[in-house]
Amino acid sequence: MNDENAYWDNLGVAWRASSSDIQRVTPLLQARLRRQAFGIGISVTLGLPLCVAALVLGILTIWHGWTAGIWNFVTRGTAIVLISALLIRALTSFLPFRARTGTQSLADMLEIASARIRRTLFLIGAAIAACVISAAFGLAGAALRIHAGSPPHLSPFIDLAIIALIIAFLWLYARTLSAEADKFEYLQRTLAADR
């Protein structure tokens, strides 16, 4: 086996594509792309209106907190606005991929699958950033409430623990997707070398 043509996985095992593997992959990849197009369509259709509603809610929360002098509402509203804007940006990156692909070319399907994985990794990065924003502004809001003499009923460390678990899950999922992206890129290189 030629090391230059091999795909090395996370365990250090070398894999090599054969023509029978490529023939078997084509219908599986077509089915996967159809399922992804359906999932992306639903996510964008439901996610964008929810994010816009959250953006409006965040602006109203900031306005209410500012006019009433409730400063922890201002921090909460700012966090909601920032998180909503991040997620809107990430979801709009999927707009070109809502339609089902009619291509039969394996190279085109691999390119579409790789692009969708890259967009999904961007969405995961935005979700992790949203968790960090939530944690930072949550701590700031708790500090403002304590300073105002009305401490929160639950410790903010419970929220931080939940956020840390969400970040860990998202990070592990991103690693899995990165490994998948590496496999698709390897198949793309293999196809390009065979031409």
Protein backbone atom coordinates (compact mmCIF):
# COMPACT_ATOMS: atom_id res chain seq x y z
CA MET A 1 0.00 0.00 0.00
CA ASN A 2 1.33 3.41 -0.95
CA ASP A 3 1.30 5.70 2.10
CA GLU A 4 0.63 8.78 -0.06
CA ASN A 5 -2.67 7.34 -1.30
CA ALA A 6 -3.82 6.15 2.11
CA TYR A 7 -6.27 7.80 4.47
CA TRP A 8 -5.03 7.64 8.05
CA ASP A 9 -7.79 7.59 10.65
CA ASN A 10 -7.58 8.80 14.27
CA LEU A 11 -6.22 5.44 15.44
CA GLY A 12 -3.36 5.55 12.94
CA VAL A 13 -4.86 2.89 10.68
CA ALA A 14 -4.29 3.40 6.96
CA TRP A 15 -7.25 2.92 4.61
CA ARG A 16 -7.33 2.88 0.85
CA ALA A 17 -10.32 3.23 -1.46
CA SER A 18 -10.91 0.63 -4.13
CA SER A 19 -13.14 0.89 -7.17
CA SER A 20 -15.66 -1.52 -5.59
CA ASP A 21 -15.83 0.77 -2.52
CA ILE A 22 -16.56 3.76 -4.76
CA GLN A 23 -19.35 1.90 -6.59
CA ARG A 24 -20.90 0.95 -3.26
CA VAL A 25 -20.60 4.47 -1.85
CA THR A 26 -22.56 6.24 -4.63
CA PRO A 27 -26.13 5.11 -3.73
CA LEU A 28 -25.41 5.50 0.00
CA LEU A 29 -24.16 9.04 -0.55
CA GLN A 30 -27.21 9.90 -2.69
CA ALA A 31 -29.54 8.73 0.10
CA ARG A 32 -27.51 10.64 2.67
CA LEU A 33 -27.66 13.86 0.64
CA ARG A 34 -31.45 13.53 0.28
CA ARG A 35 -31.84 13.10 4.05
CA GLN A 36 -29.52 16.04 4.71
CA ALA A 37 -31.45 18.29 2.29
CA PHE A 38 -34.68 17.43 4.12
CA GLY A 39 -33.08 18.11 7.54
CA ILE A 40 -31.51 21.36 6.35
CA GLY A 41 -34.84 22.54 4.92
CA ILE A 42 -36.63 21.90 8.21
CA SER A 43 -33.82 23.45 10.30
CA VAL A 44 -33.70 26.62 8.22
CA THR A 45 -37.50 26.92 7.99
CA LEU A 46 -37.96 26.56 11.75
CA GLY A 47 -34.65 27.96 12.99
CA LEU A 48 -34.58 31.32 11.24
CA PRO A 49 -38.01 32.50 12.46
CA LEU A 50 -37.18 31.33 15.99
CA CYS A 51 -33.86 33.19 15.92
CA VAL A 52 -35.54 36.35 14.61
CA ALA A 53 -38.16 36.06 17.39
CA ALA A 54 -35.35 35.63 19.93
CA LEU A 55 -33.61 38.69 18.49
CA VAL A 56 -36.78 40.76 18.97
CA LEU A 57 -37.18 39.33 22.50
CA GLY A 58 -33.58 40.29 23.29
CA ILE A 59 -34.11 43.85 22.07
CA LEU A 60 -37.31 44.16 24.13
CA THR A 61 -35.51 42.74 27.18
CA ILE A 62 -32.71 45.30 26.80
CA TRP A 63 -35.25 48.12 26.41
CA HIS A 64 -37.27 46.98 29.44
CA GLY A 65 -34.14 46.57 31.58
CA TRP A 66 -32.78 49.96 30.50
CA THR A 67 -36.00 51.88 31.12
CA ALA A 68 -36.71 50.16 34.46
CA GLY A 69 -33.10 50.23 35.65
CA ILE A 70 -32.91 46.43 35.94
CA TRP A 71 -29.35 45.98 34.75
CA ASN A 72 -29.31 42.19 34.81
CA PHE A 73 -32.10 42.35 32.18
CA VAL A 74 -29.81 44.45 30.02
CA THR A 75 -27.08 41.78 30.23
CA ARG A 76 -29.61 39.03 29.58
CA GLY A 77 -31.05 40.85 26.57
CA THR A 78 -27.59 41.57 25.19
CA ALA A 79 -26.71 37.89 25.44
CA ILE A 80 -29.95 36.92 23.66
CA VAL A 81 -29.26 39.43 20.85
CA LEU A 82 -25.67 38.25 20.36
CA ILE A 83 -26.61 34.56 20.40
CA SER A 84 -29.51 35.11 17.99
CA ALA A 85 -27.31 37.04 15.57
CA LEU A 86 -24.67 34.29 15.65
CA LEU A 87 -27.20 31.55 14.99
CA ILE A 88 -28.92 33.55 12.22
CA ARG A 89 -25.54 33.92 10.50
CA ALA A 90 -24.82 30.21 10.85
CA LEU A 91 -28.27 29.12 9.62
CA THR A 92 -28.19 31.44 6.60
CA SER A 93 -24.98 29.71 5.48
CA PHE A 94 -27.17 26.62 4.83
CA LEU A 95 -29.57 28.43 2.46
CA PRO A 96 -27.79 27.25 -0.72
CA PHE A 97 -28.11 23.62 0.46
CA ARG A 98 -31.87 23.44 1.11
CA ALA A 99 -32.75 21.99 -2.29
CA ARG A 100 -32.19 18.36 -3.06
CA THR A 101 -29.32 17.61 -5.34
CA GLY A 102 -30.07 15.83 -8.60
CA THR A 103 -26.47 15.14 -9.52
CA GLN A 104 -25.37 11.60 -10.25
CA SER A 105 -21.65 12.41 -10.29
CA LEU A 106 -19.81 11.02 -7.28
CA ALA A 107 -17.29 13.87 -7.37
CA ASP A 108 -20.11 16.46 -7.23
CA MET A 109 -21.85 14.60 -4.43
CA LEU A 110 -18.61 14.44 -2.43
CA GLU A 111 -18.13 18.19 -2.94
CA ILE A 112 -21.70 18.90 -1.72
CA ALA A 113 -21.26 16.57 1.28
CA SER A 114 -17.95 18.24 2.21
CA ALA A 115 -19.47 21.72 1.91
CA ARG A 116 -22.41 20.71 4.12
CA ILE A 117 -20.03 19.32 6.74
CA ARG A 118 -18.04 22.56 6.69
CA ARG A 119 -21.26 24.55 7.22
CA THR A 120 -22.28 22.21 10.03
CA LEU A 121 -18.90 22.70 11.69
CA PHE A 122 -19.44 26.46 11.40
CA LEU A 123 -22.87 26.07 13.03
CA ILE A 124 -21.33 24.01 15.85
CA GLY A 125 -18.67 26.69 16.33
CA ALA A 126 -21.42 29.32 16.53
CA ALA A 127 -23.29 27.18 19.08
CA ILE A 128 -20.14 26.85 21.22
CA ALA A 129 -19.61 30.61 21.01
CA ALA A 130 -23.26 31.08 22.02
CA CYS A 131 -22.64 28.88 25.09
CA VAL A 132 -19.60 30.96 26.05
CA ILE A 133 -21.60 34.18 25.61
CA SER A 134 -24.41 32.71 27.70
CA ALA A 135 -21.98 31.76 30.48
CA ALA A 136 -20.19 35.12 30.50
CA PHE A 137 -23.34 37.25 30.44
CA GLY A 138 -25.06 34.90 32.91
CA LEU A 139 -22.24 35.41 35.40
CA ALA A 140 -22.36 39.18 34.80
CA GLY A 141 -26.14 39.17 35.38
CA ALA A 142 -25.75 37.12 38.57
CA ALA A 143 -23.09 39.55 39.81
CA LEU A 144 -25.40 42.50 39.10
CA ARG A 145 -28.27 40.79 40.97
CA ILE A 146 -26.02 40.08 43.97
CA HIS A 147 -24.81 43.69 43.93
CA ALA A 148 -28.44 44.90 43.81
CA GLY A 149 -29.28 42.79 46.88
CA SER A 150 -31.44 40.23 45.06
CA PRO A 151 -29.21 37.18 44.50
CA PRO A 152 -30.44 34.42 42.15
CA HIS A 153 -32.21 31.50 43.83
CA LEU A 154 -29.98 28.93 42.11
CA SER A 155 -26.23 29.09 42.00
CA PRO A 156 -24.86 30.24 38.62
CA PHE A 157 -22.43 27.32 38.81
CA ILE A 158 -25.30 24.93 38.06
CA ASP A 159 -25.87 26.82 34.79
CA LEU A 160 -22.13 26.76 34.11
CA ALA A 161 -22.02 22.98 34.61
CA ILE A 162 -24.90 22.48 32.15
CA ILE A 163 -23.24 24.80 29.63
CA ALA A 164 -19.95 22.92 30.03
CA LEU A 165 -21.74 19.62 29.26
CA ILE A 166 -23.33 21.14 26.15
CA ILE A 167 -19.95 22.46 24.98
CA ALA A 168 -18.35 19.04 25.56
CA PHE A 169 -21.09 17.33 23.52
CA LEU A 170 -20.75 19.86 20.69
CA TRP A 171 -16.95 19.51 20.70
CA LEU A 172 -17.17 15.71 20.46
CA TYR A 173 -19.70 15.97 17.65
CA ALA A 174 -17.41 18.42 15.83
CA ARG A 175 -14.55 15.93 16.11
CA THR A 176 -16.72 13.20 14.60
CA LEU A 177 -17.71 15.49 11.74
CA SER A 178 -14.08 16.50 11.17
CA ALA A 179 -13.13 12.85 10.80
CA GLU A 180 -15.98 12.43 8.30
CA ALA A 181 -14.80 15.49 6.37
CA ASP A 182 -11.30 13.98 6.20
CA LYS A 183 -12.77 10.81 4.66
CA PHE A 184 -14.70 12.78 2.05
CA GLU A 185 -11.60 14.81 1.17
CA TYR A 186 -9.62 11.58 0.83
CA LEU A 187 -12.24 10.17 -1.53
CA GLN A 188 -12.17 13.41 -3.54
CA ARG A 189 -8.37 13.19 -3.86
CA THR A 190 -8.64 9.52 -4.87
CA LEU A 191 -11.20 10.31 -7.57
CA ALA A 192 -9.11 13.23 -8.85
CA ALA A 193 -6.02 10.97 -9.03
CA ASP A 194 -7.93 8.33 -11.02
CA ARG A 195 -8.99 10.82 -13.71
